[in-house]
N, C-alpha and C. Protein backbone atom coordinates (compact mmCIF):
# COMPACT_ATOMS: atom_id res chain seq x y z
N MET A 1 66.93 28.51 -32.93
CA MET A 1 66.90 29.06 -31.60
C MET A 1 68.04 30.07 -31.49
N GLN A 2 67.74 31.21 -30.92
CA GLN A 2 68.74 32.25 -30.77
C GLN A 2 68.62 32.84 -29.37
N LYS A 3 69.73 32.90 -28.66
CA LYS A 3 69.74 33.53 -27.34
C LYS A 3 70.19 34.97 -27.50
N ILE A 4 69.35 35.89 -27.01
CA ILE A 4 69.66 37.31 -27.07
C ILE A 4 69.63 37.84 -25.64
N PRO A 5 70.74 38.36 -25.14
CA PRO A 5 70.76 38.84 -23.75
C PRO A 5 69.90 40.08 -23.55
N LEU A 6 69.30 40.18 -22.37
CA LEU A 6 68.53 41.35 -21.98
C LEU A 6 69.46 42.35 -21.30
N ALA A 7 69.05 43.60 -21.25
CA ALA A 7 69.80 44.65 -20.55
C ALA A 7 69.04 45.02 -19.28
N TYR A 8 69.75 45.16 -18.18
CA TYR A 8 69.12 45.52 -16.91
C TYR A 8 69.11 47.03 -16.74
N ASP A 9 67.96 47.58 -16.40
CA ASP A 9 67.80 49.00 -16.14
C ASP A 9 67.76 49.20 -14.63
N GLU A 10 68.85 49.75 -14.07
CA GLU A 10 68.95 49.94 -12.62
C GLU A 10 67.83 50.83 -12.09
N GLU A 11 67.52 51.88 -12.83
CA GLU A 11 66.50 52.83 -12.37
C GLU A 11 65.12 52.18 -12.28
N LYS A 12 64.77 51.39 -13.29
CA LYS A 12 63.45 50.74 -13.32
C LYS A 12 63.45 49.38 -12.64
N LYS A 13 64.64 48.87 -12.32
CA LYS A 13 64.78 47.55 -11.69
C LYS A 13 64.09 46.47 -12.52
N ALA A 14 64.37 46.51 -13.83
CA ALA A 14 63.74 45.55 -14.74
C ALA A 14 64.69 45.24 -15.90
N TRP A 15 64.48 44.07 -16.51
CA TRP A 15 65.25 43.64 -17.67
C TRP A 15 64.51 44.04 -18.93
N PHE A 16 65.25 44.47 -19.97
CA PHE A 16 64.64 44.95 -21.20
C PHE A 16 65.36 44.40 -22.43
N LEU A 17 64.60 44.30 -23.50
CA LEU A 17 65.15 44.03 -24.83
C LEU A 17 64.32 44.85 -25.80
N GLU A 18 64.97 45.69 -26.57
CA GLU A 18 64.27 46.49 -27.58
C GLU A 18 64.76 46.10 -28.95
N ARG A 19 63.82 45.82 -29.85
CA ARG A 19 64.13 45.47 -31.24
C ARG A 19 63.05 46.05 -32.13
N GLU A 20 63.44 46.44 -33.34
CA GLU A 20 62.48 46.82 -34.37
C GLU A 20 62.05 45.53 -35.05
N LEU A 21 60.77 45.23 -35.01
CA LEU A 21 60.25 44.00 -35.59
C LEU A 21 59.16 44.31 -36.60
N PRO A 22 59.14 43.58 -37.70
CA PRO A 22 58.01 43.72 -38.61
C PRO A 22 56.76 43.14 -37.95
N GLU A 23 55.63 43.53 -38.46
CA GLU A 23 54.36 43.05 -37.92
C GLU A 23 54.34 41.53 -37.96
N GLY A 24 53.81 40.93 -36.92
CA GLY A 24 53.71 39.47 -36.87
C GLY A 24 53.69 38.99 -35.43
N ARG A 25 53.67 37.70 -35.28
CA ARG A 25 53.66 37.06 -33.96
C ARG A 25 55.03 36.45 -33.72
N TYR A 26 55.59 36.72 -32.55
CA TYR A 26 56.92 36.24 -32.20
C TYR A 26 56.85 35.47 -30.88
N GLU A 27 57.31 34.23 -30.93
CA GLU A 27 57.33 33.40 -29.73
C GLU A 27 58.72 33.44 -29.11
N TYR A 28 58.75 33.33 -27.79
CA TYR A 28 60.03 33.38 -27.09
C TYR A 28 59.91 32.71 -25.73
N LYS A 29 61.05 32.45 -25.13
CA LYS A 29 61.16 31.98 -23.75
C LYS A 29 62.35 32.68 -23.13
N TYR A 30 62.44 32.55 -21.82
CA TYR A 30 63.58 33.09 -21.08
C TYR A 30 64.47 31.94 -20.64
N VAL A 31 65.76 32.22 -20.51
CA VAL A 31 66.69 31.25 -19.92
C VAL A 31 67.05 31.79 -18.54
N VAL A 32 66.64 31.05 -17.51
CA VAL A 32 66.91 31.43 -16.12
C VAL A 32 67.68 30.30 -15.47
N ASP A 33 68.88 30.59 -15.02
CA ASP A 33 69.74 29.58 -14.39
C ASP A 33 69.89 28.35 -15.28
N GLY A 34 70.00 28.57 -16.59
CA GLY A 34 70.21 27.49 -17.54
C GLY A 34 68.95 26.75 -17.96
N ASN A 35 67.79 27.15 -17.45
CA ASN A 35 66.53 26.49 -17.79
C ASN A 35 65.64 27.41 -18.62
N TRP A 36 65.00 26.83 -19.66
CA TRP A 36 64.06 27.57 -20.49
C TRP A 36 62.74 27.67 -19.73
N VAL A 37 62.24 28.91 -19.54
CA VAL A 37 61.00 29.11 -18.79
C VAL A 37 60.12 30.15 -19.48
N CYS A 38 58.81 30.03 -19.23
CA CYS A 38 57.84 31.04 -19.67
C CYS A 38 57.57 31.97 -18.50
N ASN A 39 57.20 33.19 -18.80
CA ASN A 39 56.76 34.13 -17.79
C ASN A 39 55.25 33.98 -17.66
N GLU A 40 54.79 33.60 -16.49
CA GLU A 40 53.36 33.36 -16.27
C GLU A 40 52.53 34.64 -16.37
N HIS A 41 53.17 35.80 -16.33
CA HIS A 41 52.46 37.08 -16.36
C HIS A 41 52.43 37.69 -17.76
N GLU A 42 52.93 36.97 -18.76
CA GLU A 42 52.91 37.43 -20.14
C GLU A 42 52.07 36.48 -20.98
N MET A 43 51.68 36.91 -22.18
CA MET A 43 50.85 36.07 -23.04
C MET A 43 51.58 34.77 -23.36
N LYS A 44 50.82 33.67 -23.35
CA LYS A 44 51.40 32.35 -23.64
C LYS A 44 50.63 31.68 -24.77
N THR A 45 51.36 30.84 -25.50
CA THR A 45 50.75 30.06 -26.57
C THR A 45 50.07 28.84 -26.00
N LYS A 46 49.26 28.21 -26.81
CA LYS A 46 48.78 26.87 -26.48
C LYS A 46 49.94 25.92 -26.77
N PRO A 47 49.94 24.73 -26.19
CA PRO A 47 51.02 23.78 -26.50
C PRO A 47 51.12 23.53 -28.00
N ASN A 48 52.36 23.55 -28.53
CA ASN A 48 52.55 23.29 -29.96
C ASN A 48 52.59 21.79 -30.21
N ALA A 49 52.95 21.39 -31.43
CA ALA A 49 52.96 19.97 -31.80
C ALA A 49 53.88 19.14 -30.90
N ASP A 50 54.92 19.77 -30.36
CA ASP A 50 55.85 19.07 -29.47
C ASP A 50 55.46 19.20 -28.00
N GLY A 51 54.35 19.87 -27.72
CA GLY A 51 53.89 20.05 -26.35
C GLY A 51 54.51 21.23 -25.63
N HIS A 52 55.29 22.05 -26.34
CA HIS A 52 55.95 23.19 -25.72
C HIS A 52 55.03 24.41 -25.69
N VAL A 53 55.12 25.17 -24.61
CA VAL A 53 54.38 26.42 -24.46
C VAL A 53 55.41 27.54 -24.44
N ASN A 54 55.14 28.62 -25.16
CA ASN A 54 56.04 29.77 -25.23
C ASN A 54 55.29 31.03 -24.87
N ASN A 55 56.02 32.06 -24.48
CA ASN A 55 55.45 33.40 -24.42
C ASN A 55 55.43 33.92 -25.84
N TYR A 56 54.61 34.94 -26.10
CA TYR A 56 54.62 35.53 -27.43
C TYR A 56 54.24 37.00 -27.35
N ILE A 57 54.61 37.71 -28.40
CA ILE A 57 54.21 39.09 -28.57
C ILE A 57 53.64 39.23 -29.98
N GLN A 58 52.57 39.99 -30.09
CA GLN A 58 51.95 40.26 -31.39
C GLN A 58 52.28 41.70 -31.76
N VAL A 59 53.04 41.88 -32.83
CA VAL A 59 53.43 43.21 -33.28
C VAL A 59 52.49 43.62 -34.40
N ALA A 60 51.86 44.78 -34.25
CA ALA A 60 50.90 45.26 -35.25
C ALA A 60 51.23 46.69 -35.63
N ARG A 61 50.82 47.08 -36.80
CA ARG A 61 50.95 48.47 -37.24
C ARG A 61 49.75 48.81 -38.10
N ASP A 62 49.51 50.07 -38.25
CA ASP A 62 48.39 50.53 -39.07
C ASP A 62 48.78 50.57 -40.54
N GLY A 63 47.80 50.49 -41.43
CA GLY A 63 48.02 50.70 -42.85
C GLY A 63 48.70 49.56 -43.58
N THR A 64 48.56 48.33 -43.10
CA THR A 64 49.19 47.20 -43.77
C THR A 64 48.44 46.87 -45.06
N SER A 65 49.19 46.71 -46.14
CA SER A 65 48.58 46.39 -47.43
C SER A 65 48.17 44.92 -47.48
N ASP A 66 47.29 44.58 -48.41
CA ASP A 66 46.87 43.19 -48.58
C ASP A 66 48.06 42.31 -48.93
N GLU A 67 48.99 42.84 -49.72
CA GLU A 67 50.18 42.08 -50.10
C GLU A 67 51.04 41.77 -48.87
N GLU A 68 51.21 42.76 -47.99
CA GLU A 68 51.99 42.55 -46.77
C GLU A 68 51.31 41.54 -45.85
N LYS A 69 49.99 41.62 -45.75
CA LYS A 69 49.24 40.67 -44.92
C LYS A 69 49.41 39.25 -45.44
N ALA A 70 49.30 39.07 -46.75
CA ALA A 70 49.45 37.74 -47.34
C ALA A 70 50.86 37.20 -47.11
N MET A 71 51.87 38.05 -47.27
CA MET A 71 53.24 37.62 -47.05
C MET A 71 53.45 37.23 -45.58
N ARG A 72 52.93 38.03 -44.66
CA ARG A 72 53.07 37.74 -43.24
C ARG A 72 52.41 36.42 -42.88
N GLU A 73 51.21 36.17 -43.41
CA GLU A 73 50.54 34.90 -43.14
C GLU A 73 51.35 33.73 -43.69
N ARG A 74 51.92 33.90 -44.86
CA ARG A 74 52.75 32.85 -45.47
C ARG A 74 53.99 32.58 -44.63
N LEU A 75 54.62 33.63 -44.11
CA LEU A 75 55.88 33.48 -43.39
C LEU A 75 55.71 33.08 -41.93
N THR A 76 54.56 33.39 -41.33
CA THR A 76 54.38 33.07 -39.91
C THR A 76 53.46 31.89 -39.68
N GLY A 77 53.04 31.22 -40.74
CA GLY A 77 52.17 30.06 -40.61
C GLY A 77 52.93 28.83 -40.13
N PRO A 78 52.24 27.72 -39.96
CA PRO A 78 52.87 26.50 -39.44
C PRO A 78 53.92 25.91 -40.38
N ASP A 79 53.84 26.21 -41.68
CA ASP A 79 54.81 25.68 -42.65
C ASP A 79 55.29 26.83 -43.54
N PRO A 80 56.15 27.73 -43.00
CA PRO A 80 56.56 28.90 -43.78
C PRO A 80 57.32 28.53 -45.03
N ASP A 81 57.09 29.31 -46.08
CA ASP A 81 57.74 29.08 -47.37
C ASP A 81 58.48 30.35 -47.74
N LEU A 82 59.77 30.41 -47.41
CA LEU A 82 60.58 31.59 -47.67
C LEU A 82 61.21 31.54 -49.05
N THR A 83 61.27 32.70 -49.69
CA THR A 83 61.98 32.80 -50.95
C THR A 83 63.48 32.89 -50.66
N LYS A 84 64.29 32.73 -51.68
CA LYS A 84 65.75 32.84 -51.53
C LYS A 84 66.11 34.23 -50.98
N GLU A 85 65.47 35.27 -51.48
CA GLU A 85 65.74 36.63 -51.03
C GLU A 85 65.35 36.82 -49.57
N GLU A 86 64.22 36.25 -49.16
CA GLU A 86 63.80 36.37 -47.76
C GLU A 86 64.77 35.64 -46.83
N ARG A 87 65.24 34.47 -47.25
CA ARG A 87 66.22 33.73 -46.44
C ARG A 87 67.50 34.54 -46.27
N LEU A 88 67.97 35.17 -47.35
CA LEU A 88 69.18 35.98 -47.29
C LEU A 88 68.97 37.18 -46.37
N MET A 89 67.81 37.83 -46.47
CA MET A 89 67.52 38.98 -45.63
C MET A 89 67.53 38.59 -44.15
N ILE A 90 66.92 37.47 -43.81
CA ILE A 90 66.89 37.00 -42.42
C ILE A 90 68.29 36.65 -41.95
N LYS A 91 69.05 35.97 -42.80
CA LYS A 91 70.42 35.59 -42.45
C LYS A 91 71.25 36.84 -42.14
N GLU A 92 71.17 37.85 -42.99
CA GLU A 92 71.92 39.09 -42.77
C GLU A 92 71.47 39.80 -41.50
N TYR A 93 70.17 39.79 -41.24
CA TYR A 93 69.63 40.42 -40.04
C TYR A 93 70.17 39.73 -38.79
N LEU A 94 70.14 38.40 -38.77
CA LEU A 94 70.62 37.66 -37.60
C LEU A 94 72.13 37.79 -37.43
N GLU A 95 72.87 37.84 -38.51
CA GLU A 95 74.32 37.96 -38.42
C GLU A 95 74.74 39.28 -37.77
N GLN A 96 73.97 40.33 -37.95
CA GLN A 96 74.35 41.60 -37.33
C GLN A 96 74.25 41.52 -35.81
N TYR A 97 73.40 40.65 -35.27
CA TYR A 97 73.28 40.52 -33.82
C TYR A 97 74.29 39.55 -33.24
N THR A 98 74.77 38.60 -34.03
CA THR A 98 75.78 37.67 -33.52
C THR A 98 77.13 38.36 -33.42
N GLU A 99 77.31 39.46 -34.13
CA GLU A 99 78.57 40.20 -34.07
C GLU A 99 78.63 41.14 -32.88
N GLN A 100 77.51 41.40 -32.24
CA GLN A 100 77.47 42.35 -31.11
C GLN A 100 77.88 41.67 -29.82
């Protein structure tokens, strides 16, 4: 679990978070007044094995190779199997945001 703060845009009167993400499905929730909540106006998952419901975003791009699709399915499935290199890449990616 990682908490990433949103930025408020005064002009648009809305909260934003922008990130470059590889293609895949990303689940998330918001923390409001210390409570984890879903936004009822955004896409939601079905309850998972623990009964939790999350919001999610599906990131897609054109021209994905069969190799990339297979890797994405392996990494975003219910029992992901990461290689040592993939674990290191994710660790380095997350560490850059904890320093901000």
